[in-house]
Amino acid sequence: MNTRTAIITGANAGLGLECARALLRSDPSWHIVLAVRDVSRGADAVAQLGRPDRCTVLEMDLASLKSVGGFVDALRGAALPPLHAIVCNAGIQVVSGTEKTADGVEMTFGVNHLGHFALVRGLLDDLSRPARIVIVSSGTHDPDKFTGMPSPNYTNAEELADPAALTDPSEGRRRYTTSKLCNVLFTYELDRRLGHGEKGVTVNAFDPGLMPGSGLARDYSPPGRLAWRYLFPALRVLPGVNSTRTSGRHLAALVHDQRFDGVTGEYFSGLRPIKSSTDSHNRDKALDLWETSERLLAHATSSGDEHLREEQKAQRFSVVSGQCRTTGGPGSPSPRYF
């Protein structure tokens, strides 16, 4: 019988799908919400998982804060078991130029950090205690590790949200590694604000390792995508290189395994807590990220309210034969033409 719900973003493929698979196998009490941008692909994932009775697909585009808010509302309206876990897994890497979210935020920062920030902030009061939040980061956030990726460059969150135009593909990869640093900064700051587990919610970051063949290279050049899909998987014999299935099991364990009861504010490589980068412990950066993220959410909300008012106004006025007609609301005077 399903008695607990876990949300997994990006659960239609790759690491998210394997995490869902492992969580379903671990304990029959879990119900999985696949938070996905494409509900048809989410339905295909449920078919692969083979447990439609324990899965729910809900639409959410992390590149739209309105969509994230709609997901939160839809979740509250669904007849699901109590929410006990949120897995912030979905991610993107844009190297071919500068793309923006629906809210005008740089895409990598917007999806990898801000969308998940909005999701967690929106659902904190809905979590049933004890609860766990796991945020997927990456070893690429740490410049002291040799990953083959550019070191992150956290200047301030406003510049990350609205950076200069991209002129070098390596800068696109740097935006990715910086967003993964943001994931760890967010993890630690959220844990501090939740009293290091005193409020019944644990928060941890997770490094899945290098996972060749996953969808992370979808914005690479055609030769790069081919190498990532067909050549790089041979590297799985090396330390820190994993299949999505192995990393999915590790991620699921951080959600359900009793050995992690009460463990919070940690950065995990697989199932082992390790030291994260020096910058990830910088409280000034964490506060800047949190406060800027709050402002971006507030701006999106106010812009959305203004857009709604404009839509309502447009509905009240219609152009008829070059004239403007007001239809008014209840109790308003008769329509006027002028």
Protein backbone atom coordinates (compact mmCIF):
# COMPACT_ATOMS: atom_id res chain seq x y z
CA MET A 1 0.00 0.00 0.00
CA ASN A 2 1.28 3.44 -0.95
CA THR A 3 1.78 5.58 2.15
CA ARG A 4 4.53 7.98 1.02
CA THR A 5 5.09 10.14 -2.05
CA ALA A 6 8.42 11.10 -3.59
CA ILE A 7 8.78 13.69 -6.35
CA ILE A 8 11.57 13.15 -8.87
CA THR A 9 12.24 15.87 -11.43
CA GLY A 10 13.39 14.72 -14.85
CA ALA A 11 12.20 11.19 -14.09
CA ASN A 12 11.37 10.25 -17.66
CA ALA A 13 14.94 9.19 -18.55
CA GLY A 14 18.49 8.70 -17.34
CA LEU A 15 19.33 9.14 -13.68
CA GLY A 16 15.81 10.20 -12.70
CA LEU A 17 14.22 7.14 -14.32
CA GLU A 18 16.71 4.80 -12.65
CA CYS A 19 16.16 6.48 -9.30
CA ALA A 20 12.42 5.92 -9.69
CA ARG A 21 13.00 2.30 -10.65
CA ALA A 22 15.20 1.66 -7.62
CA LEU A 23 12.84 3.45 -5.25
CA LEU A 24 9.85 1.43 -6.45
CA ARG A 25 11.80 -1.78 -5.89
CA SER A 26 13.11 -0.73 -2.49
CA ASP A 27 9.84 -0.40 -0.64
CA PRO A 28 6.19 -0.96 -1.67
CA SER A 29 5.07 2.04 0.38
CA TRP A 30 6.51 4.60 -2.06
CA HIS A 31 4.44 6.36 -4.71
CA ILE A 32 6.46 8.22 -7.34
CA VAL A 33 5.50 11.51 -8.94
CA LEU A 34 7.37 11.92 -12.20
CA ALA A 35 7.75 15.67 -12.63
CA VAL A 36 8.45 16.02 -16.35
CA ARG A 37 8.25 18.61 -19.09
CA ASP A 38 6.73 16.18 -21.61
CA VAL A 39 3.89 14.13 -20.14
CA SER A 40 3.86 11.70 -23.09
CA ARG A 41 7.49 10.83 -22.36
CA GLY A 42 6.53 10.58 -18.72
CA ALA A 43 3.84 8.06 -19.64
CA ASP A 44 6.42 6.07 -21.61
CA ALA A 45 8.65 6.06 -18.52
CA VAL A 46 5.81 4.72 -16.38
CA ALA A 47 5.34 1.92 -18.90
CA GLN A 48 9.05 1.08 -18.59
CA LEU A 49 8.80 1.08 -14.80
CA GLY A 50 5.88 -1.33 -14.99
CA ARG A 51 4.05 -0.01 -11.93
CA PRO A 52 1.38 2.40 -13.15
CA ASP A 53 -0.51 1.90 -9.89
CA ARG A 54 2.38 3.48 -8.00
CA CYS A 55 3.28 6.29 -10.41
CA THR A 56 1.77 9.65 -11.27
CA VAL A 57 2.94 11.88 -14.11
CA LEU A 58 2.60 15.63 -13.63
CA GLU A 59 3.79 18.29 -16.03
CA MET A 60 6.48 20.71 -14.92
CA ASP A 61 8.85 22.80 -17.00
CA LEU A 62 11.67 24.06 -14.78
CA ALA A 63 12.34 26.77 -17.36
CA SER A 64 9.04 28.41 -16.41
CA LEU A 65 8.32 29.52 -12.86
CA LYS A 66 4.64 29.66 -13.78
CA SER A 67 4.83 25.97 -14.73
CA VAL A 68 6.56 25.16 -11.44
CA GLY A 69 3.77 26.94 -9.57
CA GLY A 70 1.19 25.05 -11.61
CA PHE A 71 2.87 21.78 -10.67
CA VAL A 72 2.71 22.67 -6.97
CA ASP A 73 -1.01 23.43 -7.29
CA ALA A 74 -1.65 20.22 -9.25
CA LEU A 75 0.19 18.15 -6.66
CA ARG A 76 -1.91 19.62 -3.87
CA GLY A 77 -5.05 18.80 -5.82
CA ALA A 78 -4.08 15.21 -6.50
CA ALA A 79 -5.22 12.39 -4.23
CA LEU A 80 -1.75 11.18 -3.32
CA PRO A 81 -0.11 9.84 -0.16
CA PRO A 82 1.73 12.36 2.06
CA LEU A 83 4.81 13.94 0.51
CA HIS A 84 8.01 12.70 2.17
CA ALA A 85 10.75 13.29 -0.42
CA ILE A 86 11.81 15.68 -3.17
CA VAL A 87 14.59 14.71 -5.55
CA CYS A 88 15.90 17.68 -7.54
CA ASN A 89 17.46 15.76 -10.40
CA ALA A 90 16.67 17.39 -13.75
CA GLY A 91 19.47 19.31 -15.38
CA ILE A 92 20.59 20.89 -18.61
CA GLN A 93 23.85 22.01 -20.21
CA VAL A 94 23.70 24.64 -22.98
CA VAL A 95 26.90 25.17 -24.94
CA SER A 96 25.65 26.41 -28.31
CA GLY A 97 24.67 29.92 -27.25
CA THR A 98 22.73 31.83 -24.63
CA GLU A 99 19.17 30.66 -24.12
CA LYS A 100 16.67 32.17 -21.72
CA THR A 101 13.86 30.70 -19.66
CA ALA A 102 10.28 31.93 -19.94
CA ASP A 103 11.19 34.37 -17.14
CA GLY A 104 14.21 35.80 -18.95
CA VAL A 105 16.81 33.95 -16.88
CA GLU A 106 19.84 32.23 -18.44
CA MET A 107 18.70 28.68 -19.17
CA THR A 108 21.34 26.60 -17.35
CA PHE A 109 21.05 28.64 -14.15
CA GLY A 110 17.27 28.83 -14.50
CA VAL A 111 16.67 25.09 -14.89
CA ASN A 112 19.46 23.64 -12.75
CA HIS A 113 19.02 26.02 -9.83
CA LEU A 114 16.17 28.52 -9.92
CA GLY A 115 13.41 26.13 -11.00
CA HIS A 116 14.36 23.68 -8.27
CA PHE A 117 14.65 26.51 -5.75
CA ALA A 118 11.08 27.53 -6.59
CA LEU A 119 9.86 23.94 -6.38
CA VAL A 120 11.37 23.30 -2.94
CA ARG A 121 10.30 26.68 -1.56
CA GLY A 122 6.78 26.05 -2.84
CA LEU A 123 6.50 22.63 -1.20
CA LEU A 124 8.28 23.05 2.14
CA ASP A 125 5.01 23.43 4.04
CA ASP A 126 3.56 20.40 2.23
CA LEU A 127 6.28 18.01 3.37
CA SER A 128 5.24 15.43 5.93
CA ARG A 129 7.92 14.84 8.53
CA PRO A 130 10.30 13.09 8.54
CA ALA A 131 11.18 14.20 5.04
CA ARG A 132 14.22 14.18 2.80
CA ILE A 133 15.34 16.55 0.06
CA VAL A 134 18.16 15.41 -2.22
CA ILE A 135 19.70 17.84 -4.72
CA VAL A 136 21.76 16.39 -7.56
CA SER A 137 25.01 18.28 -8.05
CA SER A 138 28.23 17.17 -9.72
CA GLY A 139 31.90 16.76 -8.98
CA THR A 140 32.46 19.38 -11.68
CA HIS A 141 31.54 22.03 -9.08
CA ASP A 142 34.94 21.49 -7.43
CA PRO A 143 37.93 23.02 -9.25
CA ASP A 144 40.31 20.85 -7.22
CA LYS A 145 39.02 17.75 -9.00
CA PHE A 146 40.16 16.87 -12.49
CA THR A 147 36.92 16.49 -14.42
CA GLY A 148 37.85 17.89 -17.81
CA MET A 149 35.33 20.70 -17.30
CA PRO A 150 36.04 24.41 -16.77
CA SER A 151 36.14 25.54 -13.14
CA PRO A 152 32.99 27.28 -11.90
CA ASN A 153 33.01 31.05 -11.67
CA TYR A 154 30.53 32.36 -9.11
CA THR A 155 30.60 36.14 -9.30
CA ASN A 156 27.12 36.95 -8.10
CA ALA A 157 23.73 35.41 -8.79
CA GLU A 158 22.44 38.39 -10.76
CA GLU A 159 25.23 37.93 -13.31
CA LEU A 160 24.50 34.21 -13.46
CA ALA A 161 20.84 34.93 -14.16
CA ASP A 162 21.63 37.52 -16.84
CA PRO A 163 25.16 36.96 -18.17
CA ALA A 164 26.97 38.47 -21.13
CA ALA A 165 26.48 36.81 -24.51
CA LEU A 166 28.20 33.46 -24.93
CA THR A 167 31.14 33.60 -27.32
CA ASP A 168 33.02 30.40 -26.43
CA PRO A 169 31.44 26.93 -25.95
CA SER A 170 33.71 26.39 -22.94
CA GLU A 171 31.83 29.20 -21.21
CA GLY A 172 28.63 27.24 -21.69
CA ARG A 173 30.22 24.36 -19.83
CA ARG A 174 31.42 26.78 -17.16
CA ARG A 175 27.84 27.92 -16.68
CA TYR A 176 26.99 24.27 -16.08
CA THR A 177 29.72 23.74 -13.47
CA THR A 178 28.74 27.01 -11.79
CA SER A 179 25.11 25.88 -11.63
CA LYS A 180 26.31 22.69 -9.92
CA LEU A 181 28.13 24.86 -7.37
CA CYS A 182 24.81 26.67 -6.88
CA ASN A 183 23.20 23.30 -6.11
CA VAL A 184 25.60 22.71 -3.22
CA LEU A 185 25.35 26.30 -1.96
CA PHE A 186 21.56 25.91 -1.97
CA THR A 187 21.77 22.56 -0.18
CA TYR A 188 23.84 23.94 2.69
CA GLU A 189 21.85 27.16 3.04
CA LEU A 190 18.51 25.31 3.02
CA ASP A 191 19.85 22.92 5.65
CA ARG A 192 20.90 25.87 7.83
CA ARG A 193 17.48 27.49 7.51
CA LEU A 194 15.78 24.21 8.43
CA GLY A 195 17.83 23.94 11.61
CA HIS A 196 20.11 21.10 10.46
CA GLY A 197 17.31 18.56 10.63
CA GLU A 198 15.61 19.92 13.75
CA LYS A 199 12.46 20.67 11.76
CA GLY A 200 12.22 17.09 10.52
CA VAL A 201 13.62 17.70 7.03
CA THR A 202 17.07 16.57 5.94
CA VAL A 203 18.82 18.10 2.92
CA ASN A 204 21.76 16.54 1.11
CA ALA A 205 23.60 16.99 -2.17
CA PHE A 206 24.53 14.10 -4.44
CA ASP A 207 27.28 13.63 -7.00
CA PRO A 208 26.30 10.81 -9.38
CA GLY A 209 29.72 10.74 -10.99
CA LEU A 210 30.36 10.82 -14.71
CA MET A 211 27.52 9.01 -16.49
CA PRO A 212 28.39 8.57 -20.17
CA GLY A 213 25.38 7.95 -22.36
CA SER A 214 23.03 10.13 -20.32
CA GLY A 215 21.16 13.02 -21.94
CA LEU A 216 23.43 15.73 -20.56
CA ALA A 217 25.33 16.14 -23.85
CA ARG A 218 22.26 16.78 -25.98
CA ASP A 219 23.46 20.31 -26.83
CA TYR A 220 26.94 19.13 -27.88
CA SER A 221 28.06 18.98 -31.51
CA PRO A 222 27.08 15.79 -33.43
CA PRO A 223 30.59 14.27 -33.02
CA GLY A 224 30.52 15.15 -29.32
CA ARG A 225 27.12 13.51 -28.86
CA LEU A 226 28.29 10.35 -30.63
CA ALA A 227 31.41 10.12 -28.49
CA TRP A 228 29.39 10.70 -25.32
CA ARG A 229 26.88 8.01 -26.25
CA TYR A 230 29.06 5.31 -27.77
CA LEU A 231 32.72 5.84 -26.75
CA PHE A 232 32.61 7.30 -23.25
CA PRO A 233 30.63 4.37 -21.74
CA ALA A 234 33.83 2.33 -22.04
CA LEU A 235 35.22 4.51 -19.24
CA ARG A 236 32.89 2.93 -16.68
CA VAL A 237 35.73 0.70 -15.55
CA LEU A 238 37.36 3.82 -14.05
CA PRO A 239 36.62 5.21 -10.55
CA GLY A 240 33.91 7.86 -10.51
CA VAL A 241 32.44 6.75 -13.85
CA ASN A 242 29.04 5.09 -13.43
CA SER A 243 26.05 3.85 -15.34
CA THR A 244 22.78 5.70 -14.76
CA ARG A 245 21.41 2.52 -13.15
CA THR A 246 24.19 2.39 -10.54
CA SER A 247 23.92 6.09 -9.72
CA GLY A 248 20.13 5.79 -9.71
CA ARG A 249 20.33 3.13 -7.00
CA HIS A 250 22.62 5.34 -4.93
CA LEU A 251 20.33 8.34 -5.33
CA ALA A 252 17.29 6.27 -4.33
CA ALA A 253 19.13 5.03 -1.23
CA LEU A 254 19.59 8.62 -0.06
CA VAL A 255 15.80 8.90 -0.25
CA HIS A 256 14.76 5.67 1.50
CA ASP A 257 17.63 3.88 3.26
CA GLN A 258 17.39 3.89 7.06
CA ARG A 259 21.16 4.30 7.40
CA PHE A 260 20.67 7.91 6.28
CA ASP A 261 18.01 8.75 8.86
CA GLY A 262 18.85 12.15 10.32
CA VAL A 263 21.87 12.64 8.05
CA THR A 264 21.78 16.19 6.70
CA GLY A 265 23.94 18.93 5.24
CA GLU A 266 26.24 16.43 3.52
CA TYR A 267 27.67 16.10 0.04
CA PHE A 268 27.59 12.50 -1.17
CA SER A 269 29.68 10.84 -3.84
CA GLY A 270 27.63 7.70 -4.38
CA LEU A 271 26.80 6.53 -0.86
CA ARG A 272 29.84 8.13 0.78
CA PRO A 273 29.82 11.63 2.29
CA ILE A 274 32.86 13.57 1.09
CA LYS A 275 34.19 17.12 1.27
CA SER A 276 32.72 19.51 -1.26
CA SER A 277 34.59 22.47 -2.73
CA THR A 278 35.87 25.40 -0.67
CA ASP A 279 33.50 27.82 -2.42
CA SER A 280 30.50 25.61 -1.62
CA HIS A 281 30.98 26.55 2.06
CA ASN A 282 31.14 30.30 1.37
CA ARG A 283 28.23 31.77 3.34
CA ASP A 284 28.37 35.10 1.51
CA LYS A 285 27.88 33.35 -1.80
CA ALA A 286 25.10 31.21 -0.32
CA LEU A 287 23.26 34.27 0.99
CA ASP A 288 23.70 36.11 -2.29
CA LEU A 289 22.29 33.11 -4.17
CA TRP A 290 19.34 32.71 -1.80
CA GLU A 291 18.40 36.39 -1.68
CA THR A 292 18.75 36.85 -5.44
CA SER A 293 16.68 33.73 -6.07
CA GLU A 294 13.97 35.11 -3.78
CA ARG A 295 13.99 38.39 -5.73
CA LEU A 296 13.75 36.56 -9.03
CA LEU A 297 10.77 34.57 -7.77
CA ALA A 298 9.09 37.71 -6.45
CA HIS A 299 9.68 39.49 -9.77
CA ALA A 300 8.23 36.56 -11.72
CA THR A 301 5.19 36.50 -9.45
CA SER A 302 4.58 40.24 -9.78
CA SER A 303 5.09 40.06 -13.55
CA GLY A 304 2.64 37.18 -13.70
CA ASP A 305 0.08 39.14 -11.70
CA GLU A 306 0.53 42.14 -14.00
CA HIS A 307 0.13 39.88 -17.05
CA LEU A 308 -3.06 38.46 -15.57
CA ARG A 309 -4.40 41.96 -14.98
CA GLU A 310 -3.60 42.88 -18.57
CA GLU A 311 -5.37 39.76 -19.82
CA GLN A 312 -8.42 40.58 -17.71
CA LYS A 313 -8.36 44.12 -19.02
CA ALA A 314 -8.09 42.86 -22.59
CA GLN A 315 -11.10 40.64 -22.01
CA ARG A 316 -13.10 43.63 -20.89
CA PHE A 317 -12.31 45.60 -24.01
CA SER A 318 -12.85 44.35 -27.51
CA VAL A 319 -12.40 46.21 -30.75
CA VAL A 320 -15.52 46.24 -32.88
CA SER A 321 -15.39 47.94 -36.29
CA GLY A 322 -12.53 50.17 -35.18
CA GLN A 323 -14.30 51.11 -31.93
CA CYS A 324 -13.50 49.99 -28.41
CA ARG A 325 -16.26 48.31 -26.47
CA THR A 326 -16.21 47.70 -22.73
CA THR A 327 -18.14 44.69 -21.55
CA GLY A 328 -17.69 45.56 -17.88
CA GLY A 329 -18.26 43.27 -14.96
CA PRO A 330 -21.17 42.68 -12.61
CA GLY A 331 -22.82 45.92 -11.61
CA SER A 332 -20.99 47.99 -14.23
CA PRO A 333 -22.82 50.43 -16.44
CA SER A 334 -24.12 49.49 -19.86
CA PRO A 335 -21.50 49.03 -22.57
CA ARG A 336 -20.12 52.27 -23.97
CA TYR A 337 -18.83 52.86 -27.48
CA PHE A 338 -16.41 55.68 -28.14
